[in-house]
Amino acid sequence: MTVIAFYGSSKLEGWRKKLSQYLDDFKIVDLVSAEGELADIALVWAPPAGQLKKMPNLRGIILQGQGVDYIMADTTVPRDVPLVRLVDPDMSNALSHWAILAALDFWRDAQHYRACQAKANWQPIVQRPASGAKVGIMGVGAIGGLMAKRFAALGFDVRGWARRPRQIDNVTVFVGDEGLPPFLNDLEILVSVLPLTPATRGIMNSSMFNQLAKGAFVINGGRGPQLVEDDLLDAIRRGQIAGAALDVFATEPLPANHPFWSHPAVTVWPHVAAQTNPTTAAQQVAAAITAIMAGVEPKNRVDWQRGY
């Protein structure tokens, strides 16, 4: 029997029910328990620091989401145990829906019309066509690649930025450090779905904002520490950036006194752009468990050196 130790914000019983459709002989228990410490597999999201080190039988760690920065920050996590991140198509769909919602809300001047409605003011403004409007997506892997295709299908002029060359229909992909300036040049909407690594920490800063078109819009669905928050506020104050939609923050929950809450040009989302759903994720998790227990390399294994 495979024993799975569970820790996360979703319900253990929900995972038990869905995993039973794909696994025959397993038991799922709380991570922080005597049984959990003896488990074979850890199915976790943000477990207590040092907890995974206590598991002598641990053969694999499977994350309930795509972000890996919090687990990598725990230096006690065994580096010789396979670490698998969740790449759920439903999460990719959800994140692309959110980014497109945020982009269209900006591009179609929804904030203007909400303000007009509040004052019963009939005041049309000239509609901006999507055709030729420049959208840039930082990180065009499984999530960003799908997002880029969907923006392109709406008629936007879409660019992608990646660590290595990629081919995406109707998307111009720029690569590496040398490709970043031409990627950023004159963008009107910038979207980040990058993982958090030493190279991406603080990447969204004044230097980056100054390379965008004046009045550009910023969307961050990657990781909070990628954004230098004071630089964004300054860029909005200067008029270089028109506004932002943010789903992730350097500190979560976002402190009640943070200026983002009350800023008219910033839309705060409480890290809900793409939530893990056991219904759609269970098959992938079960496949990873089966592979690990059979001694086979699981899909979506994290490279500790790259950071994702």
C-alpha atoms as a PDB file:
ATOM      1  CA  MET A   1       0.000   0.000   0.000  1.00  0.00           C
ATOM      2  CA  THR A   2       1.197   3.484  -0.896  1.00  0.00           C
ATOM      3  CA  VAL A   3       0.831   5.944   1.965  1.00  0.00           C
ATOM      4  CA  ILE A   4       0.319   9.559   0.917  1.00  0.00           C
ATOM      5  CA  ALA A   5       0.880  12.382   3.404  1.00  0.00           C
ATOM      6  CA  PHE A   6      -1.324  15.388   2.673  1.00  0.00           C
ATOM      7  CA  TYR A   7      -0.945  19.052   3.583  1.00  0.00           C
ATOM      8  CA  GLY A   8      -2.624  22.001   1.884  1.00  0.00           C
ATOM      9  CA  SER A   9      -5.507  24.443   1.721  1.00  0.00           C
ATOM     10  CA  SER A  10      -7.861  22.116  -0.161  1.00  0.00           C
ATOM     11  CA  LYS A  11      -9.796  19.275   1.470  1.00  0.00           C
ATOM     12  CA  LEU A  12      -8.098  15.933   2.117  1.00  0.00           C
ATOM     13  CA  GLU A  13     -11.360  14.056   1.530  1.00  0.00           C
ATOM     14  CA  GLY A  14     -11.741  15.635  -1.897  1.00  0.00           C
ATOM     15  CA  TRP A  15      -8.326  14.354  -2.914  1.00  0.00           C
ATOM     16  CA  ARG A  16      -9.042  10.916  -1.460  1.00  0.00           C
ATOM     17  CA  LYS A  17     -12.227  10.617  -3.510  1.00  0.00           C
ATOM     18  CA  LYS A  18     -10.663  11.750  -6.780  1.00  0.00           C
ATOM     19  CA  LEU A  19      -7.423   9.760  -6.408  1.00  0.00           C
ATOM     20  CA  SER A  20      -9.452   6.604  -5.815  1.00  0.00           C
ATOM     21  CA  GLN A  21     -10.522   6.802  -9.461  1.00  0.00           C
ATOM     22  CA  TYR A  22      -6.907   6.257 -10.565  1.00  0.00           C
ATOM     23  CA  LEU A  23      -5.123   4.463  -7.688  1.00  0.00           C
ATOM     24  CA  ASP A  24      -6.075   1.111  -6.208  1.00  0.00           C
ATOM     25  CA  ASP A  25      -4.032   0.480  -3.108  1.00  0.00           C
ATOM     26  CA  PHE A  26      -3.338   3.707  -1.244  1.00  0.00           C
ATOM     27  CA  LYS A  27      -3.977   5.516   1.990  1.00  0.00           C
ATOM     28  CA  ILE A  28      -3.984   9.289   2.464  1.00  0.00           C
ATOM     29  CA  VAL A  29      -3.218  10.752   5.889  1.00  0.00           C
ATOM     30  CA  ASP A  30      -2.333  14.110   7.424  1.00  0.00           C
ATOM     31  CA  LEU A  31       1.291  15.112   6.872  1.00  0.00           C
ATOM     32  CA  VAL A  32       1.649  16.411  10.404  1.00  0.00           C
ATOM     33  CA  SER A  33       0.982  13.127  12.178  1.00  0.00           C
ATOM     34  CA  ALA A  34       2.807   9.970  13.181  1.00  0.00           C
ATOM     35  CA  GLU A  35       1.403   8.170  10.123  1.00  0.00           C
ATOM     36  CA  GLY A  36       2.295  11.098   7.892  1.00  0.00           C
ATOM     37  CA  GLU A  37       5.928  11.012   8.914  1.00  0.00           C
ATOM     38  CA  LEU A  38       6.140   7.382   7.720  1.00  0.00           C
ATOM     39  CA  ALA A  39       4.463   8.038   4.350  1.00  0.00           C
ATOM     40  CA  ASP A  40       5.927   7.222   0.923  1.00  0.00           C
ATOM     41  CA  ILE A  41       4.641  10.300  -0.897  1.00  0.00           C
ATOM     42  CA  ALA A  42       4.068  13.887   0.235  1.00  0.00           C
ATOM     43  CA  LEU A  43       1.200  15.652  -1.585  1.00  0.00           C
ATOM     44  CA  VAL A  44       1.608  19.171  -0.290  1.00  0.00           C
ATOM     45  CA  TRP A  45       1.248  22.901  -0.619  1.00  0.00           C
ATOM     46  CA  ALA A  46       3.368  25.108   1.668  1.00  0.00           C
ATOM     47  CA  PRO A  47       4.096  22.447   4.311  1.00  0.00           C
ATOM     48  CA  PRO A  48       5.643  23.500   7.632  1.00  0.00           C
ATOM     49  CA  ALA A  49       9.374  24.104   7.287  1.00  0.00           C
ATOM     50  CA  GLY A  50      11.382  21.046   8.249  1.00  0.00           C
ATOM     51  CA  GLN A  51       8.418  18.647   8.117  1.00  0.00           C
ATOM     52  CA  LEU A  52       9.506  16.759   4.998  1.00  0.00           C
ATOM     53  CA  LYS A  53      12.907  16.102   6.512  1.00  0.00           C
ATOM     54  CA  LYS A  54      11.225  13.993   9.189  1.00  0.00           C
ATOM     55  CA  MET A  55      10.042  11.381   6.648  1.00  0.00           C
ATOM     56  CA  PRO A  56      12.506   8.459   6.423  1.00  0.00           C
ATOM     57  CA  ASN A  57      10.428   6.586   3.807  1.00  0.00           C
ATOM     58  CA  LEU A  58       9.839   9.586   1.530  1.00  0.00           C
ATOM     59  CA  ARG A  59      10.128   8.644  -2.150  1.00  0.00           C
ATOM     60  CA  GLY A  60       8.530  11.658  -3.807  1.00  0.00           C
ATOM     61  CA  ILE A  61       7.128  15.141  -3.198  1.00  0.00           C
ATOM     62  CA  ILE A  62       4.193  16.251  -5.333  1.00  0.00           C
ATOM     63  CA  LEU A  63       3.067  19.862  -5.183  1.00  0.00           C
ATOM     64  CA  GLN A  64      -0.586  20.875  -5.341  1.00  0.00           C
ATOM     65  CA  GLY A  65       0.291  23.822  -7.561  1.00  0.00           C
ATOM     66  CA  GLN A  66       2.776  25.108 -10.096  1.00  0.00           C
ATOM     67  CA  GLY A  67       4.874  27.387  -7.890  1.00  0.00           C
ATOM     68  CA  VAL A  68       7.989  25.880  -6.341  1.00  0.00           C
ATOM     69  CA  ASP A  69       9.668  28.883  -4.714  1.00  0.00           C
ATOM     70  CA  TYR A  70       8.288  28.245  -1.219  1.00  0.00           C
ATOM     71  CA  ILE A  71       9.505  24.633  -1.181  1.00  0.00           C
ATOM     72  CA  MET A  72      12.933  25.604  -2.510  1.00  0.00           C
ATOM     73  CA  ALA A  73      13.278  28.170   0.253  1.00  0.00           C
ATOM     74  CA  ASP A  74      13.144  25.335   2.809  1.00  0.00           C
ATOM     75  CA  THR A  75      16.744  24.134   2.917  1.00  0.00           C
ATOM     76  CA  THR A  76      15.722  21.047   4.903  1.00  0.00           C
ATOM     77  CA  VAL A  77      13.742  19.527   2.015  1.00  0.00           C
ATOM     78  CA  PRO A  78      15.615  16.434   0.734  1.00  0.00           C
ATOM     79  CA  ARG A  79      17.185  17.311  -2.614  1.00  0.00           C
ATOM     80  CA  ASP A  80      17.593  13.678  -3.659  1.00  0.00           C
ATOM     81  CA  VAL A  81      13.840  12.981  -3.613  1.00  0.00           C
ATOM     82  CA  PRO A  82      11.884  13.689  -6.845  1.00  0.00           C
ATOM     83  CA  LEU A  83       9.975  16.967  -6.604  1.00  0.00           C
ATOM     84  CA  VAL A  84       7.037  17.209  -9.014  1.00  0.00           C
ATOM     85  CA  ARG A  85       5.062  20.358  -9.778  1.00  0.00           C
ATOM     86  CA  LEU A  86       1.461  20.310 -10.898  1.00  0.00           C
ATOM     87  CA  VAL A  87       0.836  21.327 -14.506  1.00  0.00           C
ATOM     88  CA  ASP A  88      -2.931  21.045 -14.667  1.00  0.00           C
ATOM     89  CA  PRO A  89      -4.604  22.081 -17.969  1.00  0.00           C
ATOM     90  CA  ASP A  90      -7.521  23.455 -15.963  1.00  0.00           C
ATOM     91  CA  MET A  91      -5.141  25.786 -14.101  1.00  0.00           C
ATOM     92  CA  SER A  92      -3.592  26.868 -17.413  1.00  0.00           C
ATOM     93  CA  ASN A  93      -7.076  27.615 -18.718  1.00  0.00           C
ATOM     94  CA  ALA A  94      -8.011  29.552 -15.592  1.00  0.00           C
ATOM     95  CA  LEU A  95      -4.857  31.664 -15.600  1.00  0.00           C
ATOM     96  CA  SER A  96      -5.238  32.530 -19.283  1.00  0.00           C
ATOM     97  CA  HIS A  97      -8.895  33.469 -18.685  1.00  0.00           C
ATOM     98  CA  TRP A  98      -7.852  35.760 -15.827  1.00  0.00           C
ATOM     99  CA  ALA A  99      -5.089  37.469 -17.806  1.00  0.00           C
ATOM    100  CA  ILE A 100      -7.370  38.033 -20.788  1.00  0.00           C
ATOM    101  CA  LEU A 101     -10.097  39.367 -18.489  1.00  0.00           C
ATOM    102  CA  ALA A 102      -7.645  41.835 -16.950  1.00  0.00           C
ATOM    103  CA  ALA A 103      -6.230  42.868 -20.326  1.00  0.00           C
ATOM    104  CA  LEU A 104      -9.626  43.426 -21.947  1.00  0.00           C
ATOM    105  CA  ASP A 105     -10.888  45.309 -18.901  1.00  0.00           C
ATOM    106  CA  PHE A 106      -8.022  47.746 -19.506  1.00  0.00           C
ATOM    107  CA  TRP A 107      -8.074  47.752 -23.291  1.00  0.00           C
ATOM    108  CA  ARG A 108     -11.837  48.299 -23.575  1.00  0.00           C
ATOM    109  CA  ASP A 109     -11.763  51.077 -20.933  1.00  0.00           C
ATOM    110  CA  ALA A 110     -14.089  49.266 -18.520  1.00  0.00           C
ATOM    111  CA  GLN A 111     -12.942  51.415 -15.601  1.00  0.00           C
ATOM    112  CA  HIS A 112     -14.098  54.543 -17.468  1.00  0.00           C
ATOM    113  CA  TYR A 113     -17.558  53.065 -18.032  1.00  0.00           C
ATOM    114  CA  ARG A 114     -17.884  51.889 -14.433  1.00  0.00           C
ATOM    115  CA  ALA A 115     -17.154  55.441 -13.322  1.00  0.00           C
ATOM    116  CA  CYS A 116     -19.699  56.772 -15.834  1.00  0.00           C
ATOM    117  CA  GLN A 117     -22.355  54.348 -14.603  1.00  0.00           C
ATOM    118  CA  ALA A 118     -21.808  55.459 -11.011  1.00  0.00           C
ATOM    119  CA  LYS A 119     -22.635  59.029 -12.114  1.00  0.00           C
ATOM    120  CA  ALA A 120     -25.367  58.102 -14.651  1.00  0.00           C
ATOM    121  CA  ASN A 121     -23.120  59.699 -17.265  1.00  0.00           C
ATOM    122  CA  TRP A 122     -23.496  58.544 -20.900  1.00  0.00           C
ATOM    123  CA  GLN A 123     -19.996  59.239 -22.231  1.00  0.00           C
ATOM    124  CA  PRO A 124     -18.714  56.963 -25.021  1.00  0.00           C
ATOM    125  CA  ILE A 125     -15.030  57.105 -25.931  1.00  0.00           C
ATOM    126  CA  VAL A 126     -13.275  55.851 -29.055  1.00  0.00           C
ATOM    127  CA  GLN A 127     -12.794  52.089 -28.983  1.00  0.00           C
ATOM    128  CA  ARG A 128      -9.236  50.817 -29.373  1.00  0.00           C
ATOM    129  CA  PRO A 129      -8.990  47.859 -31.779  1.00  0.00           C
ATOM    130  CA  ALA A 130      -7.051  44.773 -30.703  1.00  0.00           C
ATOM    131  CA  SER A 131      -5.444  44.529 -34.125  1.00  0.00           C
ATOM    132  CA  GLY A 132      -1.853  45.723 -33.865  1.00  0.00           C
ATOM    133  CA  ALA A 133      -1.978  46.234 -30.103  1.00  0.00           C
ATOM    134  CA  LYS A 134       1.203  44.819 -28.588  1.00  0.00           C
ATOM    135  CA  VAL A 135       0.874  42.229 -25.810  1.00  0.00           C
ATOM    136  CA  GLY A 136       3.962  40.624 -24.280  1.00  0.00           C
ATOM    137  CA  ILE A 137       3.954  37.463 -22.173  1.00  0.00           C
ATOM    138  CA  MET A 138       6.967  36.659 -20.030  1.00  0.00           C
ATOM    139  CA  GLY A 139       7.199  32.902 -19.657  1.00  0.00           C
ATOM    140  CA  VAL A 140       5.705  30.981 -22.578  1.00  0.00           C
ATOM    141  CA  GLY A 141       5.821  27.426 -21.237  1.00  0.00           C
ATOM    142  CA  ALA A 142       2.710  25.317 -20.669  1.00  0.00           C
ATOM    143  CA  ILE A 143       0.717  28.209 -19.193  1.00  0.00           C
ATOM    144  CA  GLY A 144       2.140  31.178 -21.063  1.00  0.00           C
ATOM    145  CA  GLY A 145       2.154  29.373 -24.398  1.00  0.00           C
ATOM    146  CA  LEU A 146      -1.575  28.668 -24.161  1.00  0.00           C
ATOM    147  CA  MET A 147      -2.189  32.233 -23.030  1.00  0.00           C
ATOM    148  CA  ALA A 148      -0.195  33.633 -25.949  1.00  0.00           C
ATOM    149  CA  LYS A 149      -2.222  31.624 -28.472  1.00  0.00           C
ATOM    150  CA  ARG A 150      -5.461  32.891 -26.980  1.00  0.00           C
ATOM    151  CA  PHE A 151      -4.364  36.528 -27.031  1.00  0.00           C
ATOM    152  CA  ALA A 152      -3.313  36.067 -30.671  1.00  0.00           C
ATOM    153  CA  ALA A 153      -6.724  34.563 -31.498  1.00  0.00           C
ATOM    154  CA  LEU A 154      -8.295  37.794 -30.230  1.00  0.00           C
ATOM    155  CA  GLY A 155      -6.305  39.775 -32.779  1.00  0.00           C
ATOM    156  CA  PHE A 156      -3.509  41.144 -30.594  1.00  0.00           C
ATOM    157  CA  ASP A 157       0.086  41.380 -31.797  1.00  0.00           C
ATOM    158  CA  VAL A 158       1.613  38.913 -29.345  1.00  0.00           C
ATOM    159  CA  ARG A 159       5.212  38.518 -28.235  1.00  0.00           C
ATOM    160  CA  GLY A 160       6.630  35.915 -25.905  1.00  0.00           C
ATOM    161  CA  TRP A 161       9.826  35.849 -23.868  1.00  0.00           C
ATOM    162  CA  ALA A 162      11.469  32.575 -22.933  1.00  0.00           C
ATOM    163  CA  ARG A 163      14.700  31.105 -21.624  1.00  0.00           C
ATOM    164  CA  ARG A 164      15.144  28.975 -24.726  1.00  0.00           C
ATOM    165  CA  PRO A 165      13.724  29.068 -28.290  1.00  0.00           C
ATOM    166  CA  ARG A 166      10.081  28.093 -28.748  1.00  0.00           C
ATOM    167  CA  GLN A 167       7.733  27.936 -31.705  1.00  0.00           C
ATOM    168  CA  ILE A 168       4.202  29.212 -31.070  1.00  0.00           C
ATOM    169  CA  ASP A 169       1.787  29.914 -33.919  1.00  0.00           C
ATOM    170  CA  ASN A 170       1.161  33.630 -34.487  1.00  0.00           C
ATOM    171  CA  VAL A 171       3.501  34.607 -31.636  1.00  0.00           C
ATOM    172  CA  THR A 172       6.967  36.171 -31.943  1.00  0.00           C
ATOM    173  CA  VAL A 173       9.196  34.622 -29.290  1.00  0.00           C
ATOM    174  CA  PHE A 174      12.283  36.422 -27.970  1.00  0.00           C
ATOM    175  CA  VAL A 175      14.928  34.470 -26.113  1.00  0.00           C
ATOM    176  CA  GLY A 176      17.256  35.128 -23.193  1.00  0.00           C
ATOM    177  CA  ASP A 177      18.806  38.314 -21.874  1.00  0.00           C
ATOM    178  CA  GLU A 178      19.597  39.637 -25.326  1.00  0.00           C
ATOM    179  CA  GLY A 179      15.988  39.161 -26.390  1.00  0.00           C
ATOM    180  CA  LEU A 180      14.465  41.048 -23.465  1.00  0.00           C
ATOM    181  CA  PRO A 181      14.882  44.660 -24.727  1.00  0.00           C
ATOM    182  CA  PRO A 182      13.275  44.034 -28.144  1.00  0.00           C
ATOM    183  CA  PHE A 183      10.548  42.015 -26.449  1.00  0.00           C
ATOM    184  CA  LEU A 184       9.715  44.901 -24.099  1.00  0.00           C
ATOM    185  CA  ASN A 185      10.040  47.699 -26.647  1.00  0.00           C
ATOM    186  CA  ASP A 186       6.772  49.632 -26.920  1.00  0.00           C
ATOM    187  CA  LEU A 187       4.582  46.902 -25.373  1.00  0.00           C
ATOM    188  CA  GLU A 188       1.122  48.117 -24.423  1.00  0.00           C
ATOM    189  CA  ILE A 189       0.218  45.181 -22.163  1.00  0.00           C
ATOM    190  CA  LEU A 190       2.828  43.201 -20.211  1.00  0.00           C
ATOM    191  CA  VAL A 191       1.913  39.869 -18.621  1.00  0.00           C
ATOM    192  CA  SER A 192       4.168  37.813 -16.354  1.00  0.00           C
ATOM    193  CA  VAL A 193       3.600  34.132 -15.650  1.00  0.00           C
ATOM    194  CA  LEU A 194       7.259  33.472 -14.876  1.00  0.00           C
ATOM    195  CA  PRO A 195       8.391  31.175 -12.078  1.00  0.00           C
ATOM    196  CA  LEU A 196      10.316  32.766  -9.230  1.00  0.00           C
ATOM    197  CA  THR A 197      14.056  32.177  -9.591  1.00  0.00           C
ATOM    198  CA  PRO A 198      17.093  34.273  -8.645  1.00  0.00           C
ATOM    199  CA  ALA A 199      17.031  35.612 -12.215  1.00  0.00           C
ATOM    200  CA  THR A 200      13.354  36.651 -12.109  1.00  0.00           C
ATOM    201  CA  ARG A 201      13.257  38.128  -8.593  1.00  0.00           C
ATOM    202  CA  GLY A 202      12.703  41.885  -8.984  1.00  0.00           C
ATOM    203  CA  ILE A 203      12.641  41.656 -12.791  1.00  0.00           C
ATOM    204  CA  MET A 204       9.540  43.841 -13.045  1.00  0.00           C
ATOM    205  CA  ASN A 205      11.118  47.137 -12.075  1.00  0.00           C
ATOM    206  CA  SER A 206      11.543  50.748 -13.208  1.00  0.00           C
ATOM    207  CA  SER A 207      14.001  49.787 -15.917  1.00  0.00           C
ATOM    208  CA  MET A 208      11.503  47.352 -17.395  1.00  0.00           C
ATOM    209  CA  PHE A 209       8.534  49.715 -17.110  1.00  0.00           C
ATOM    210  CA  ASN A 210      10.450  52.509 -18.844  1.00  0.00           C
ATOM    211  CA  GLN A 211      10.919  50.308 -21.924  1.00  0.00           C
ATOM    212  CA  LEU A 212       7.179  49.802 -22.387  1.00  0.00           C
ATOM    213  CA  ALA A 213       4.873  52.110 -24.304  1.00  0.00           C
ATOM    214  CA  LYS A 214       3.787  55.103 -22.239  1.00  0.00           C
ATOM    215  CA  GLY A 215       0.499  54.257 -20.549  1.00  0.00           C
ATOM    216  CA  ALA A 216       1.060  50.499 -20.687  1.00  0.00           C
ATOM    217  CA  PHE A 217      -0.769  48.047 -18.443  1.00  0.00           C
ATOM    218  CA  VAL A 218       0.939  45.458 -16.207  1.00  0.00           C
ATOM    219  CA  ILE A 219      -0.484  42.046 -15.277  1.00  0.00           C
ATOM    220  CA  ASN A 220       1.320  39.806 -12.791  1.00  0.00           C
ATOM    221  CA  GLY A 221       0.131  36.232 -12.424  1.00  0.00           C
ATOM    222  CA  GLY A 222       3.606  34.790 -11.822  1.00  0.00           C
ATOM    223  CA  ARG A 223       5.086  35.355  -8.386  1.00  0.00           C
ATOM    224  CA  GLY A 224       4.894  38.393  -6.118  1.00  0.00           C
ATOM    225  CA  PRO A 225       8.635  38.942  -5.536  1.00  0.00           C
ATOM    226  CA  GLN A 226       9.148  39.399  -9.293  1.00  0.00           C
ATOM    227  CA  LEU A 227       7.553  42.820  -8.948  1.00  0.00           C
ATOM    228  CA  VAL A 228       9.276  45.756  -7.273  1.00  0.00           C
ATOM    229  CA  GLU A 229       6.084  47.202  -5.835  1.00  0.00           C
ATOM    230  CA  ASP A 230       7.420  50.700  -5.144  1.00  0.00           C
ATOM    231  CA  ASP A 231       8.707  50.908  -8.724  1.00  0.00           C
ATOM    232  CA  LEU A 232       5.241  50.070 -10.046  1.00  0.00           C
ATOM    233  CA  LEU A 233       3.600  52.715  -7.874  1.00  0.00           C
ATOM    234  CA  ASP A 234       6.162  55.271  -9.045  1.00  0.00           C
ATOM    235  CA  ALA A 235       5.657  54.329 -12.703  1.00  0.00           C
ATOM    236  CA  ILE A 236       1.893  54.797 -12.300  1.00  0.00           C
ATOM    237  CA  ARG A 237       2.451  58.148 -10.588  1.00  0.00           C
ATOM    238  CA  ARG A 238       4.642  59.272 -13.503  1.00  0.00           C
ATOM    239  CA  GLY A 239       2.089  58.133 -16.082  1.00  0.00           C
ATOM    240  CA  GLN A 240       4.480  55.608 -17.601  1.00  0.00           C
ATOM    241  CA  ILE A 241       2.161  52.805 -16.473  1.00  0.00           C
ATOM    242  CA  ALA A 242      -1.609  53.300 -16.669  1.00  0.00           C
ATOM    243  CA  GLY A 243      -2.459  50.580 -14.175  1.00  0.00           C
ATOM    244  CA  ALA A 244      -2.030  46.993 -13.110  1.00  0.00           C
ATOM    245  CA  ALA A 245      -3.889  43.792 -12.283  1.00  0.00           C
ATOM    246  CA  LEU A 246      -2.056  41.770  -9.640  1.00  0.00           C
ATOM    247  CA  ASP A 247      -2.842  38.288  -8.361  1.00  0.00           C
ATOM    248  CA  VAL A 248       0.399  37.672  -6.450  1.00  0.00           C
ATOM    249  CA  PHE A 249       2.315  39.766  -3.935  1.00  0.00           C
ATOM    250  CA  ALA A 250       5.608  39.850  -2.076  1.00  0.00           C
ATOM    251  CA  THR A 251       3.664  39.394   1.170  1.00  0.00           C
ATOM    252  CA  GLU A 252       0.492  37.314   1.227  1.00  0.00           C
ATOM    253  CA  PRO A 253      -2.099  37.988   2.431  1.00  0.00           C
ATOM    254  CA  LEU A 254      -1.541  41.552   1.278  1.00  0.00           C
ATOM    255  CA  PRO A 255      -1.268  43.737   4.425  1.00  0.00           C
ATOM    256  CA  ALA A 256      -4.373  45.817   5.121  1.00  0.00           C
ATOM    257  CA  ASN A 257      -2.356  49.054   5.024  1.00  0.00           C
ATOM    258  CA  HIS A 258      -0.739  48.341   1.647  1.00  0.00           C
ATOM    259  CA  PRO A 259      -1.286  51.174  -0.878  1.00  0.00           C
ATOM    260  CA  PHE A 260      -2.414  48.726  -3.566  1.00  0.00           C
ATOM    261  CA  TRP A 261      -5.739  48.219  -1.789  1.00  0.00           C
ATOM    262  CA  SER A 262      -6.884  51.790  -2.257  1.00  0.00           C
ATOM    263  CA  HIS A 263      -5.065  52.693  -5.464  1.00  0.00           C
ATOM    264  CA  PRO A 264      -7.556  53.501  -8.229  1.00  0.00           C
ATOM    265  CA  ALA A 265      -5.249  52.145 -10.951  1.00  0.00           C
ATOM    266  CA  VAL A 266      -4.483  48.799  -9.290  1.00  0.00           C
ATOM    267  CA  THR A 267      -6.792  45.802  -9.172  1.00  0.00           C
ATOM    268  CA  VAL A 268      -5.973  43.374  -6.349  1.00  0.00           C
ATOM    269  CA  TRP A 269      -6.824  39.690  -6.743  1.00  0.00           C
ATOM    270  CA  PRO A 270      -6.118  37.487  -3.690  1.00  0.00           C
ATOM    271  CA  HIS A 271      -4.061  34.789  -5.468  1.00  0.00           C
ATOM    272  CA  VAL A 272      -7.118  33.233  -7.101  1.00  0.00           C
ATOM    273  CA  ALA A 273      -6.308  33.459 -10.821  1.00  0.00           C
ATOM    274  CA  ALA A 274      -5.739  29.694 -11.007  1.00  0.00           C
ATOM    275  CA  GLN A 275      -6.743  27.473  -8.124  1.00  0.00           C
ATOM    276  CA  THR A 276      -5.988  23.773  -7.788  1.00  0.00           C
ATOM    277  CA  ASN A 277      -8.997  21.567  -8.466  1.00  0.00           C
ATOM    278  CA  PRO A 278      -8.667  17.909  -7.386  1.00  0.00           C
ATOM    279  CA  THR A 279     -11.234  16.948 -10.023  1.00  0.00           C
ATOM    280  CA  THR A 280      -8.902  17.913 -12.867  1.00  0.00           C
ATOM    281  CA  ALA A 281      -5.551  17.444 -11.122  1.00  0.00           C
ATOM    282  CA  ALA A 282      -6.019  13.977  -9.606  1.00  0.00           C
ATOM    283  CA  GLN A 283      -5.140  12.040 -12.757  1.00  0.00           C
ATOM    284  CA  GLN A 284      -1.798  13.820 -13.100  1.00  0.00           C
ATOM    285  CA  VAL A 285      -1.031  13.387  -9.399  1.00  0.00           C
ATOM    286  CA  ALA A 286      -1.902   9.685  -9.582  1.00  0.00           C
ATOM    287  CA  ALA A 287       0.342   9.250 -12.626  1.00  0.00           C
ATOM    288  CA  ALA A 288       3.231  10.886 -10.755  1.00  0.00           C
ATOM    289  CA  ILE A 289       2.677   8.637  -7.721  1.00  0.00           C
ATOM    290  CA  THR A 290       2.559   5.535  -9.919  1.00  0.00           C
ATOM    291  CA  ALA A 291       5.782   6.515 -11.690  1.00  0.00           C
ATOM    292  CA  ILE A 292       7.652   7.321  -8.484  1.00  0.00           C
ATOM    293  CA  MET A 293       6.616   4.090  -6.771  1.00  0.00           C
ATOM    294  CA  ALA A 294       7.702   2.142  -9.875  1.00  0.00           C
ATOM    295  CA  GLY A 295      11.091   3.863  -9.932  1.00  0.00           C
ATOM    296  CA  VAL A 296      10.268   5.710 -13.155  1.00  0.00           C
ATOM    297  CA  GLU A 297      11.035   9.397 -13.819  1.00  0.00           C
ATOM    298  CA  PRO A 298       7.783  11.359 -13.264  1.00  0.00           C
ATOM    299  CA  LYS A 299       6.598  14.051 -15.634  1.00  0.00           C
ATOM    300  CA  ASN A 300       7.083  17.680 -14.584  1.00  0.00           C
ATOM    301  CA  ARG A 301       9.933  16.905 -12.225  1.00  0.00           C
ATOM    302  CA  VAL A 302      11.493  20.096 -10.893  1.00  0.00           C
ATOM    303  CA  ASP A 303      15.114  20.856 -11.688  1.00  0.00           C
ATOM    304  CA  TRP A 304      16.633  22.208  -8.466  1.00  0.00           C
ATOM    305  CA  GLN A 305      19.352  24.029 -10.408  1.00  0.00           C
ATOM    306  CA  ARG A 306      16.977  25.884 -12.738  1.00  0.00           C
ATOM    307  CA  GLY A 307      14.436  26.531 -10.013  1.00  0.00           C
ATOM    308  CA  TYR A 308      11.398  25.128 -11.855  1.00  0.00           C
END
